[in-house]
């Protein structure tokens, strides 16, 4: 369990192991003035739900990275779910995600 948490922290901080592959965030989808970029990565034979939410501010672009516990058999399923999770985060928290 500790190694799993360590790997998760490493990926979130940008130092991570992602099964030997660093997955760059995918193409952005606009939603309510935000951009959601799905970034699923391989994990134990599946794809982990992850992504980046971005928004432009007068001071520059701010981003919020998220990783969720859900895994998916295909990358396409993980991308779809990451977009849905991103929309949910935006609906629930709005600009507060950047605090």
PDB file of N, CA and C in Angstrom:
ATOM      1  N   UNK A   1       0.823  -1.199   0.000  1.00  0.00           N
ATOM      2  CA  UNK A   1       0.000   0.000   0.000  1.00  0.00           C
ATOM      3  C   UNK A   1       0.860   1.253   0.000  1.00  0.00           C
ATOM      4  N   UNK A   2       1.924   1.250   0.836  1.00  0.00           N
ATOM      5  CA  UNK A   2       2.777   2.429   0.897  1.00  0.00           C
ATOM      6  C   UNK A   2       3.402   2.739  -0.456  1.00  0.00           C
ATOM      7  N   UNK A   3       3.835   1.693  -1.176  1.00  0.00           N
ATOM      8  CA  UNK A   3       4.457   1.927  -2.479  1.00  0.00           C
ATOM      9  C   UNK A   3       3.452   2.538  -3.457  1.00  0.00           C
ATOM     10  N   UNK A   4       2.173   2.138  -3.355  1.00  0.00           N
ATOM     11  CA  UNK A   4       1.147   2.727  -4.202  1.00  0.00           C
ATOM     12  C   UNK A   4       0.951   4.206  -3.922  1.00  0.00           C
ATOM     13  N   UNK A   5       0.948   4.569  -2.647  1.00  0.00           N
ATOM     14  CA  UNK A   5       0.816   5.977  -2.270  1.00  0.00           C
ATOM     15  C   UNK A   5       2.040   6.763  -2.710  1.00  0.00           C
ATOM     16  N   UNK A   6       3.200   6.143  -2.561  1.00  0.00           N
ATOM     17  CA  UNK A   6       4.436   6.802  -2.978  1.00  0.00           C
ATOM     18  C   UNK A   6       4.410   7.066  -4.476  1.00  0.00           C
ATOM     19  N   UNK A   7       3.960   6.070  -5.268  1.00  0.00           N
ATOM     20  CA  UNK A   7       3.871   6.235  -6.714  1.00  0.00           C
ATOM     21  C   UNK A   7       2.881   7.316  -7.104  1.00  0.00           C
ATOM     22  N   UNK A   8       1.744   7.349  -6.411  1.00  0.00           N
ATOM     23  CA  UNK A   8       0.736   8.373  -6.672  1.00  0.00           C
ATOM     24  C   UNK A   8       1.302   9.756  -6.390  1.00  0.00           C
ATOM     25  N   UNK A   9       1.975   9.906  -5.247  1.00  0.00           N
ATOM     26  CA  UNK A   9       2.566  11.202  -4.904  1.00  0.00           C
ATOM     27  C   UNK A   9       3.605  11.604  -5.938  1.00  0.00           C
ATOM     28  N   UNK A  10       4.413  10.641  -6.381  1.00  0.00           N
ATOM     29  CA  UNK A  10       5.435  10.936  -7.382  1.00  0.00           C
ATOM     30  C   UNK A  10       4.816  11.429  -8.678  1.00  0.00           C
ATOM     31  N   UNK A  11       3.728  10.773  -9.116  1.00  0.00           N
ATOM     32  CA  UNK A  11       3.077  11.204 -10.351  1.00  0.00           C
ATOM     33  C   UNK A  11       2.471  12.594 -10.191  1.00  0.00           C
ATOM     34  N   UNK A  12       1.863  12.865  -9.049  1.00  0.00           N
ATOM     35  CA  UNK A  12       1.258  14.179  -8.834  1.00  0.00           C
ATOM     36  C   UNK A  12       2.302  15.284  -8.801  1.00  0.00           C
ATOM     37  N   UNK A  13       3.471  14.979  -8.247  1.00  0.00           N
ATOM     38  CA  UNK A  13       4.512  15.993  -8.146  1.00  0.00           C
ATOM     39  C   UNK A  13       5.371  16.071  -9.400  1.00  0.00           C
ATOM     40  N   UNK A  14       5.080  15.209 -10.372  1.00  0.00           N
ATOM     41  CA  UNK A  14       5.805  15.270 -11.624  1.00  0.00           C
ATOM     42  C   UNK A  14       7.086  14.470 -11.640  1.00  0.00           C
ATOM     43  N   UNK A  15       7.366  13.698 -10.598  1.00  0.00           N
ATOM     44  CA  UNK A  15       8.589  12.921 -10.536  1.00  0.00           C
ATOM     45  C   UNK A  15       8.357  11.465 -10.842  1.00  0.00           C
ATOM     46  N   UNK A  16       7.175  11.145 -11.341  1.00  0.00           N
ATOM     47  CA  UNK A  16       6.674   9.804 -11.170  1.00  0.00           C
ATOM     48  C   UNK A  16       6.995   8.736 -12.140  1.00  0.00           C
ATOM     49  N   UNK A  17       6.728   7.576 -11.609  1.00  0.00           N
ATOM     50  CA  UNK A  17       6.770   6.369 -12.380  1.00  0.00           C
ATOM     51  C   UNK A  17       5.349   6.125 -12.843  1.00  0.00           C
ATOM     52  N   UNK A  18       5.192   5.936 -14.123  1.00  0.00           N
ATOM     53  CA  UNK A  18       3.859   5.627 -14.627  1.00  0.00           C
ATOM     54  C   UNK A  18       3.959   4.397 -15.507  1.00  0.00           C
ATOM     55  N   UNK A  19       4.492   3.348 -14.935  1.00  0.00           N
ATOM     56  CA  UNK A  19       4.660   2.134 -15.702  1.00  0.00           C
ATOM     57  C   UNK A  19       5.668   2.310 -16.818  1.00  0.00           C
ATOM     58  N   UNK A  20       6.644   3.217 -16.633  1.00  0.00           N
ATOM     59  CA  UNK A  20       7.648   3.451 -17.637  1.00  0.00           C
ATOM     60  C   UNK A  20       7.236   4.452 -18.690  1.00  0.00           C
ATOM     61  N   UNK A  21       6.022   4.966 -18.617  1.00  0.00           N
ATOM     62  CA  UNK A  21       5.546   5.924 -19.605  1.00  0.00           C
ATOM     63  C   UNK A  21       5.012   7.156 -18.890  1.00  0.00           C
ATOM     64  N   UNK A  22       5.450   8.309 -19.360  1.00  0.00           N
ATOM     65  CA  UNK A  22       4.877   9.547 -18.836  1.00  0.00           C
ATOM     66  C   UNK A  22       3.812   9.995 -19.825  1.00  0.00           C
ATOM     67  N   UNK A  23       2.574   9.959 -19.404  1.00  0.00           N
ATOM     68  CA  UNK A  23       1.465  10.319 -20.271  1.00  0.00           C
ATOM     69  C   UNK A  23       1.239  11.827 -20.197  1.00  0.00           C
ATOM     70  N   UNK A  24       1.364  12.496 -21.327  1.00  0.00           N
ATOM     71  CA  UNK A  24       1.082  13.924 -21.389  1.00  0.00           C
ATOM     72  C   UNK A  24      -0.432  14.105 -21.409  1.00  0.00           C
ATOM     73  N   UNK A  25      -0.918  15.194 -20.830  1.00  0.00           N
ATOM     74  CA  UNK A  25      -2.360  15.440 -20.886  1.00  0.00           C
ATOM     75  C   UNK A  25      -2.847  15.481 -22.329  1.00  0.00           C
ATOM     76  N   UNK A  26      -4.061  14.999 -22.547  1.00  0.00           N
ATOM     77  CA  UNK A  26      -4.645  14.943 -23.889  1.00  0.00           C
ATOM     78  C   UNK A  26      -5.170  16.290 -24.343  1.00  0.00           C
ATOM     79  N   UNK A  27      -5.866  16.250 -25.457  1.00  0.00           N
ATOM     80  CA  UNK A  27      -6.445  17.453 -26.030  1.00  0.00           C
ATOM     81  C   UNK A  27      -7.482  18.061 -25.085  1.00  0.00           C
ATOM     82  N   UNK A  28      -7.473  19.378 -24.994  1.00  0.00           N
ATOM     83  CA  UNK A  28      -8.355  20.076 -24.064  1.00  0.00           C
ATOM     84  C   UNK A  28      -9.792  20.110 -24.563  1.00  0.00           C
ATOM     85  N   UNK A  29     -10.711  20.019 -23.606  1.00  0.00           N
ATOM     86  CA  UNK A  29     -12.135  20.202 -23.840  1.00  0.00           C
ATOM     87  C   UNK A  29     -12.572  21.417 -23.029  1.00  0.00           C
ATOM     88  N   UNK A  30     -13.198  22.383 -23.679  1.00  0.00           N
ATOM     89  CA  UNK A  30     -13.669  23.590 -23.004  1.00  0.00           C
ATOM     90  C   UNK A  30     -14.945  23.290 -22.232  1.00  0.00           C
ATOM     91  N   UNK A  31     -15.040  23.855 -21.025  1.00  0.00           N
ATOM     92  CA  UNK A  31     -16.250  23.692 -20.204  1.00  0.00           C
ATOM     93  C   UNK A  31     -16.358  24.862 -19.241  1.00  0.00           C
ATOM     94  N   UNK A  32     -17.366  25.702 -19.425  1.00  0.00           N
ATOM     95  CA  UNK A  32     -17.657  26.836 -18.542  1.00  0.00           C
ATOM     96  C   UNK A  32     -16.445  27.729 -18.296  1.00  0.00           C
ATOM     97  N   UNK A  33     -15.665  27.990 -19.334  1.00  0.00           N
ATOM     98  CA  UNK A  33     -14.503  28.870 -19.210  1.00  0.00           C
ATOM     99  C   UNK A  33     -13.243  28.168 -18.722  1.00  0.00           C
ATOM    100  N   UNK A  34     -13.317  26.879 -18.472  1.00  0.00           N
ATOM    101  CA  UNK A  34     -12.174  26.071 -18.055  1.00  0.00           C
ATOM    102  C   UNK A  34     -11.776  25.162 -19.215  1.00  0.00           C
ATOM    103  N   UNK A  35     -10.571  24.635 -19.154  1.00  0.00           N
ATOM    104  CA  UNK A  35     -10.144  23.589 -20.083  1.00  0.00           C
ATOM    105  C   UNK A  35      -9.868  22.334 -19.265  1.00  0.00           C
ATOM    106  N   UNK A  36     -10.397  21.216 -19.721  1.00  0.00           N
ATOM    107  CA  UNK A  36     -10.146  19.928 -19.070  1.00  0.00           C
ATOM    108  C   UNK A  36      -9.283  19.106 -20.024  1.00  0.00           C
ATOM    109  N   UNK A  37      -8.144  18.645 -19.521  1.00  0.00           N
ATOM    110  CA  UNK A  37      -7.246  17.800 -20.304  1.00  0.00           C
ATOM    111  C   UNK A  37      -7.144  16.434 -19.621  1.00  0.00           C
ATOM    112  N   UNK A  38      -7.746  15.411 -20.200  1.00  0.00           N
ATOM    113  CA  UNK A  38      -7.622  14.082 -19.600  1.00  0.00           C
ATOM    114  C   UNK A  38      -6.170  13.616 -19.676  1.00  0.00           C
ATOM    115  N   UNK A  39      -5.717  12.923 -18.637  1.00  0.00           N
ATOM    116  CA  UNK A  39      -4.342  12.422 -18.595  1.00  0.00           C
ATOM    117  C   UNK A  39      -4.284  11.050 -17.927  1.00  0.00           C
ATOM    118  N   UNK A  40      -5.073  10.089 -18.410  1.00  0.00           N
ATOM    119  CA  UNK A  40      -5.023   8.758 -17.805  1.00  0.00           C
ATOM    120  C   UNK A  40      -3.643   8.149 -18.019  1.00  0.00           C
ATOM    121  N   UNK A  41      -3.260   7.275 -17.108  1.00  0.00           N
ATOM    122  CA  UNK A  41      -1.958   6.621 -17.242  1.00  0.00           C
ATOM    123  C   UNK A  41      -2.106   5.137 -16.902  1.00  0.00           C
ATOM    124  N   UNK A  42      -1.232   4.305 -17.471  1.00  0.00           N
ATOM    125  CA  UNK A  42      -1.311   2.869 -17.204  1.00  0.00           C
ATOM    126  C   UNK A  42      -1.013   2.569 -15.739  1.00  0.00           C
ATOM    127  N   UNK A  43      -1.793   1.683 -15.163  1.00  0.00           N
ATOM    128  CA  UNK A  43      -1.605   1.283 -13.771  1.00  0.00           C
ATOM    129  C   UNK A  43      -2.125  -0.138 -13.587  1.00  0.00           C
ATOM    130  N   UNK A  44      -1.221  -1.049 -13.328  1.00  0.00           N
ATOM    131  CA  UNK A  44      -1.582  -2.444 -13.058  1.00  0.00           C
ATOM    132  C   UNK A  44      -2.494  -3.047 -14.120  1.00  0.00           C
ATOM    133  N   UNK A  45      -2.148  -2.829 -15.366  1.00  0.00           N
ATOM    134  CA  UNK A  45      -2.898  -3.425 -16.459  1.00  0.00           C
ATOM    135  C   UNK A  45      -4.170  -2.692 -16.847  1.00  0.00           C
ATOM    136  N   UNK A  46      -4.427  -1.559 -16.210  1.00  0.00           N
ATOM    137  CA  UNK A  46      -5.607  -0.756 -16.541  1.00  0.00           C
ATOM    138  C   UNK A  46      -5.155   0.695 -16.716  1.00  0.00           C
ATOM    139  N   UNK A  47      -6.110   1.606 -16.843  1.00  0.00           N
ATOM    140  CA  UNK A  47      -5.798   3.034 -16.959  1.00  0.00           C
ATOM    141  C   UNK A  47      -6.433   3.785 -15.806  1.00  0.00           C
ATOM    142  N   UNK A  48      -5.634   4.561 -15.106  1.00  0.00           N
ATOM    143  CA  UNK A  48      -6.050   5.334 -13.941  1.00  0.00           C
ATOM    144  C   UNK A  48      -6.704   6.635 -14.395  1.00  0.00           C
ATOM    145  N   UNK A  49      -7.787   7.014 -13.747  1.00  0.00           N
ATOM    146  CA  UNK A  49      -8.453   8.283 -14.025  1.00  0.00           C
ATOM    147  C   UNK A  49      -7.573   9.433 -13.537  1.00  0.00           C
ATOM    148  N   UNK A  50      -7.227  10.348 -14.438  1.00  0.00           N
ATOM    149  CA  UNK A  50      -6.414  11.509 -14.079  1.00  0.00           C
ATOM    150  C   UNK A  50      -6.625  12.596 -15.130  1.00  0.00           C
ATOM    151  N   UNK A  51      -6.339  13.828 -14.736  1.00  0.00           N
ATOM    152  CA  UNK A  51      -6.474  14.926 -15.676  1.00  0.00           C
ATOM    153  C   UNK A  51      -5.986  16.240 -15.098  1.00  0.00           C
ATOM    154  N   UNK A  52      -6.100  17.262 -15.924  1.00  0.00           N
ATOM    155  CA  UNK A  52      -5.678  18.613 -15.558  1.00  0.00           C
ATOM    156  C   UNK A  52      -6.819  19.557 -15.927  1.00  0.00           C
ATOM    157  N   UNK A  53      -7.143  20.447 -15.002  1.00  0.00           N
ATOM    158  CA  UNK A  53      -8.118  21.508 -15.264  1.00  0.00           C
ATOM    159  C   UNK A  53      -7.338  22.813 -15.311  1.00  0.00           C
ATOM    160  N   UNK A  54      -7.546  23.588 -16.372  1.00  0.00           N
ATOM    161  CA  UNK A  54      -6.842  24.856 -16.550  1.00  0.00           C
ATOM    162  C   UNK A  54      -7.838  25.992 -16.733  1.00  0.00           C
ATOM    163  N   UNK A  55      -7.384  27.183 -16.362  1.00  0.00           N
ATOM    164  CA  UNK A  55      -8.194  28.375 -16.624  1.00  0.00           C
ATOM    165  C   UNK A  55      -7.254  29.565 -16.752  1.00  0.00           C
ATOM    166  N   UNK A  56      -7.594  30.464 -17.685  1.00  0.00           N
ATOM    167  CA  UNK A  56      -6.806  31.679 -17.882  1.00  0.00           C
ATOM    168  C   UNK A  56      -7.264  32.757 -16.912  1.00  0.00           C
ATOM    169  N   UNK A  57      -6.300  33.400 -16.268  1.00  0.00           N
ATOM    170  CA  UNK A  57      -6.542  34.526 -15.369  1.00  0.00           C
ATOM    171  C   UNK A  57      -5.653  35.690 -15.812  1.00  0.00           C
ATOM    172  N   UNK A  58      -5.948  36.906 -15.375  1.00  0.00           N
ATOM    173  CA  UNK A  58      -5.093  38.039 -15.746  1.00  0.00           C
ATOM    174  C   UNK A  58      -3.620  37.823 -15.347  1.00  0.00           C
ATOM    175  N   UNK A  59      -3.401  37.021 -14.316  1.00  0.00           N
ATOM    176  CA  UNK A  59      -2.034  36.754 -13.859  1.00  0.00           C
ATOM    177  C   UNK A  59      -1.397  35.568 -14.576  1.00  0.00           C
ATOM    178  N   UNK A  60      -2.149  34.912 -15.446  1.00  0.00           N
ATOM    179  CA  UNK A  60      -1.626  33.769 -16.189  1.00  0.00           C
ATOM    180  C   UNK A  60      -2.534  32.553 -16.058  1.00  0.00           C
ATOM    181  N   UNK A  61      -2.082  31.456 -16.608  1.00  0.00           N
ATOM    182  CA  UNK A  61      -2.850  30.216 -16.576  1.00  0.00           C
ATOM    183  C   UNK A  61      -2.630  29.518 -15.243  1.00  0.00           C
ATOM    184  N   UNK A  62      -3.734  29.080 -14.637  1.00  0.00           N
ATOM    185  CA  UNK A  62      -3.643  28.273 -13.417  1.00  0.00           C
ATOM    186  C   UNK A  62      -4.121  26.874 -13.766  1.00  0.00           C
ATOM    187  N   UNK A  63      -3.538  25.881 -13.091  1.00  0.00           N
ATOM    188  CA  UNK A  63      -3.965  24.512 -13.354  1.00  0.00           C
ATOM    189  C   UNK A  63      -4.133  23.737 -12.063  1.00  0.00           C
ATOM    190  N   UNK A  64      -5.035  22.786 -12.132  1.00  0.00           N
ATOM    191  CA  UNK A  64      -5.323  21.883 -11.014  1.00  0.00           C
ATOM    192  C   UNK A  64      -5.243  20.464 -11.560  1.00  0.00           C
ATOM    193  N   UNK A  65      -4.374  19.647 -10.985  1.00  0.00           N
ATOM    194  CA  UNK A  65      -4.242  18.252 -11.400  1.00  0.00           C
ATOM    195  C   UNK A  65      -5.084  17.373 -10.488  1.00  0.00           C
ATOM    196  N   UNK A  66      -5.715  16.373 -11.074  1.00  0.00           N
ATOM    197  CA  UNK A  66      -6.496  15.446 -10.260  1.00  0.00           C
ATOM    198  C   UNK A  66      -6.222  14.003 -10.663  1.00  0.00           C
ATOM    199  N   UNK A  67      -6.273  13.135  -9.677  1.00  0.00           N
ATOM    200  CA  UNK A  67      -6.162  11.687  -9.864  1.00  0.00           C
ATOM    201  C   UNK A  67      -7.260  11.078  -9.023  1.00  0.00           C
ATOM    202  N   UNK A  68      -7.985  10.122  -9.590  1.00  0.00           N
ATOM    203  CA  UNK A  68      -9.062   9.453  -8.873  1.00  0.00           C
ATOM    204  C   UNK A  68      -8.771   7.969  -8.797  1.00  0.00           C
ATOM    205  N   UNK A  69      -9.443   7.300  -7.907  1.00  0.00           N
ATOM    206  CA  UNK A  69      -9.201   5.878  -7.652  1.00  0.00           C
ATOM    207  C   UNK A  69      -9.699   4.979  -8.776  1.00  0.00           C
ATOM    208  N   UNK A  70     -10.642   5.456  -9.582  1.00  0.00           N
ATOM    209  CA  UNK A  70     -11.240   4.612 -10.603  1.00  0.00           C
ATOM    210  C   UNK A  70     -10.216   4.225 -11.672  1.00  0.00           C
ATOM    211  N   UNK A  71     -10.272   2.956 -12.078  1.00  0.00           N
ATOM    212  CA  UNK A  71      -9.458   2.490 -13.200  1.00  0.00           C
ATOM    213  C   UNK A  71     -10.382   1.939 -14.277  1.00  0.00           C
ATOM    214  N   UNK A  72      -9.850   1.864 -15.492  1.00  0.00           N
ATOM    215  CA  UNK A  72     -10.658   1.465 -16.641  1.00  0.00           C
ATOM    216  C   UNK A  72      -9.858   0.524 -17.528  1.00  0.00           C
ATOM    217  N   UNK A  73     -10.560  -0.373 -18.197  1.00  0.00           N
ATOM    218  CA  UNK A  73      -9.907  -1.355 -19.059  1.00  0.00           C
ATOM    219  C   UNK A  73      -9.290  -0.715 -20.299  1.00  0.00           C
ATOM    220  N   UNK A  74      -9.885   0.370 -20.779  1.00  0.00           N
ATOM    221  CA  UNK A  74      -9.353   1.025 -21.979  1.00  0.00           C
ATOM    222  C   UNK A  74      -9.003   2.481 -21.693  1.00  0.00           C
ATOM    223  N   UNK A  75      -8.061   2.983 -22.470  1.00  0.00           N
ATOM    224  CA  UNK A  75      -7.680   4.386 -22.334  1.00  0.00           C
ATOM    225  C   UNK A  75      -8.845   5.299 -22.713  1.00  0.00           C
ATOM    226  N   UNK A  76      -9.612   4.929 -23.744  1.00  0.00           N
ATOM    227  CA  UNK A  76     -10.759   5.748 -24.155  1.00  0.00           C
ATOM    228  C   UNK A  76     -11.786   5.882 -23.031  1.00  0.00           C
ATOM    229  N   UNK A  77     -12.047   4.787 -22.312  1.00  0.00           N
ATOM    230  CA  UNK A  77     -12.974   4.850 -21.181  1.00  0.00           C
ATOM    231  C   UNK A  77     -12.429   5.761 -20.082  1.00  0.00           C
ATOM    232  N   UNK A  78     -11.123   5.673 -19.840  1.00  0.00           N
ATOM    233  CA  UNK A  78     -10.506   6.516 -18.810  1.00  0.00           C
ATOM    234  C   UNK A  78     -10.558   7.989 -19.206  1.00  0.00           C
ATOM    235  N   UNK A  79     -10.372   8.276 -20.490  1.00  0.00           N
ATOM    236  CA  UNK A  79     -10.464   9.658 -20.984  1.00  0.00           C
ATOM    237  C   UNK A  79     -11.883  10.191 -20.779  1.00  0.00           C
ATOM    238  N   UNK A  80     -12.881   9.417 -21.158  1.00  0.00           N
ATOM    239  CA  UNK A  80     -14.280   9.841 -21.003  1.00  0.00           C
ATOM    240  C   UNK A  80     -14.620  10.105 -19.544  1.00  0.00           C
ATOM    241  N   UNK A  81     -14.157   9.215 -18.674  1.00  0.00           N
ATOM    242  CA  UNK A  81     -14.455   9.382 -17.253  1.00  0.00           C
ATOM    243  C   UNK A  81     -13.710  10.583 -16.668  1.00  0.00           C
ATOM    244  N   UNK A  82     -12.468  10.818 -17.113  1.00  0.00           N
ATOM    245  CA  UNK A  82     -11.708  11.981 -16.636  1.00  0.00           C
ATOM    246  C   UNK A  82     -12.402  13.280 -17.032  1.00  0.00           C
ATOM    247  N   UNK A  83     -12.973  13.322 -18.235  1.00  0.00           N
ATOM    248  CA  UNK A  83     -13.719  14.514 -18.654  1.00  0.00           C
ATOM    249  C   UNK A  83     -14.953  14.719 -17.783  1.00  0.00           C
ATOM    250  N   UNK A  84     -15.670  13.640 -17.492  1.00  0.00           N
ATOM    251  CA  UNK A  84     -16.847  13.734 -16.623  1.00  0.00           C
ATOM    252  C   UNK A  84     -16.446  14.188 -15.221  1.00  0.00           C
ATOM    253  N   UNK A  85     -15.354  13.634 -14.696  1.00  0.00           N
ATOM    254  CA  UNK A  85     -14.879  14.030 -13.359  1.00  0.00           C
ATOM    255  C   UNK A  85     -14.446  15.490 -13.357  1.00  0.00           C
ATOM    256  N   UNK A  86     -13.783  15.926 -14.410  1.00  0.00           N
ATOM    257  CA  UNK A  86     -13.373  17.326 -14.507  1.00  0.00           C
ATOM    258  C   UNK A  86     -14.565  18.259 -14.484  1.00  0.00           C
ATOM    259  N   UNK A  87     -15.607  17.912 -15.239  1.00  0.00           N
ATOM    260  CA  UNK A  87     -16.832  18.737 -15.230  1.00  0.00           C
ATOM    261  C   UNK A  87     -17.459  18.763 -13.839  1.00  0.00           C
ATOM    262  N   UNK A  88     -17.463  17.611 -13.162  1.00  0.00           N
ATOM    263  CA  UNK A  88     -18.021  17.549 -11.810  1.00  0.00           C
ATOM    264  C   UNK A  88     -17.232  18.431 -10.852  1.00  0.00           C
ATOM    265  N   UNK A  89     -15.921  18.386 -10.925  1.00  0.00           N
ATOM    266  CA  UNK A  89     -15.071  19.211 -10.056  1.00  0.00           C
ATOM    267  C   UNK A  89     -15.350  20.687 -10.298  1.00  0.00           C
ATOM    268  N   UNK A  90     -15.449  21.075 -11.567  1.00  0.00           N
ATOM    269  CA  UNK A  90     -15.727  22.478 -11.913  1.00  0.00           C
ATOM    270  C   UNK A  90     -17.098  22.888 -11.383  1.00  0.00           C
ATOM    271  N   UNK A  91     -18.112  22.038 -11.578  1.00  0.00           N
ATOM    272  CA  UNK A  91     -19.458  22.363 -11.105  1.00  0.00           C
ATOM    273  C   UNK A  91     -19.505  22.516  -9.592  1.00  0.00           C
ATOM    274  N   UNK A  92     -18.765  21.675  -8.885  1.00  0.00           N
ATOM    275  CA  UNK A  92     -18.801  21.702  -7.417  1.00  0.00           C
ATOM    276  C   UNK A  92     -17.923  22.798  -6.811  1.00  0.00           C
ATOM    277  N   UNK A  93     -16.774  23.087  -7.432  1.00  0.00           N
ATOM    278  CA  UNK A  93     -15.814  23.969  -6.787  1.00  0.00           C
ATOM    279  C   UNK A  93     -15.499  25.261  -7.542  1.00  0.00           C
ATOM    280  N   UNK A  94     -15.716  25.276  -8.848  1.00  0.00           N
ATOM    281  CA  UNK A  94     -15.426  26.480  -9.619  1.00  0.00           C
ATOM    282  C   UNK A  94     -13.982  26.931  -9.445  1.00  0.00           C
ATOM    283  N   UNK A  95     -13.776  28.232  -9.351  1.00  0.00           N
ATOM    284  CA  UNK A  95     -12.419  28.797  -9.221  1.00  0.00           C
ATOM    285  C   UNK A  95     -11.727  28.407  -7.914  1.00  0.00           C
ATOM    286  N   UNK A  96     -12.470  27.898  -6.938  1.00  0.00           N
ATOM    287  CA  UNK A  96     -11.841  27.507  -5.657  1.00  0.00           C
ATOM    288  C   UNK A  96     -10.817  26.396  -5.820  1.00  0.00           C
ATOM    289  N   UNK A  97     -10.882  25.649  -6.914  1.00  0.00           N
ATOM    290  CA  UNK A  97      -9.905  24.567  -7.086  1.00  0.00           C
ATOM    291  C   UNK A  97      -8.483  25.102  -7.193  1.00  0.00           C
ATOM    292  N   UNK A  98      -8.338  26.380  -7.480  1.00  0.00           N
ATOM    293  CA  UNK A  98      -7.008  26.972  -7.623  1.00  0.00           C
ATOM    294  C   UNK A  98      -6.501  27.618  -6.343  1.00  0.00           C
ATOM    295  N   UNK A  99      -7.293  27.596  -5.281  1.00  0.00           N
ATOM    296  CA  UNK A  99      -6.863  28.196  -3.996  1.00  0.00           C
ATOM    297  C   UNK A  99      -5.766  27.396  -3.340  1.00  0.00           C
TER     298      UNK A  99
END
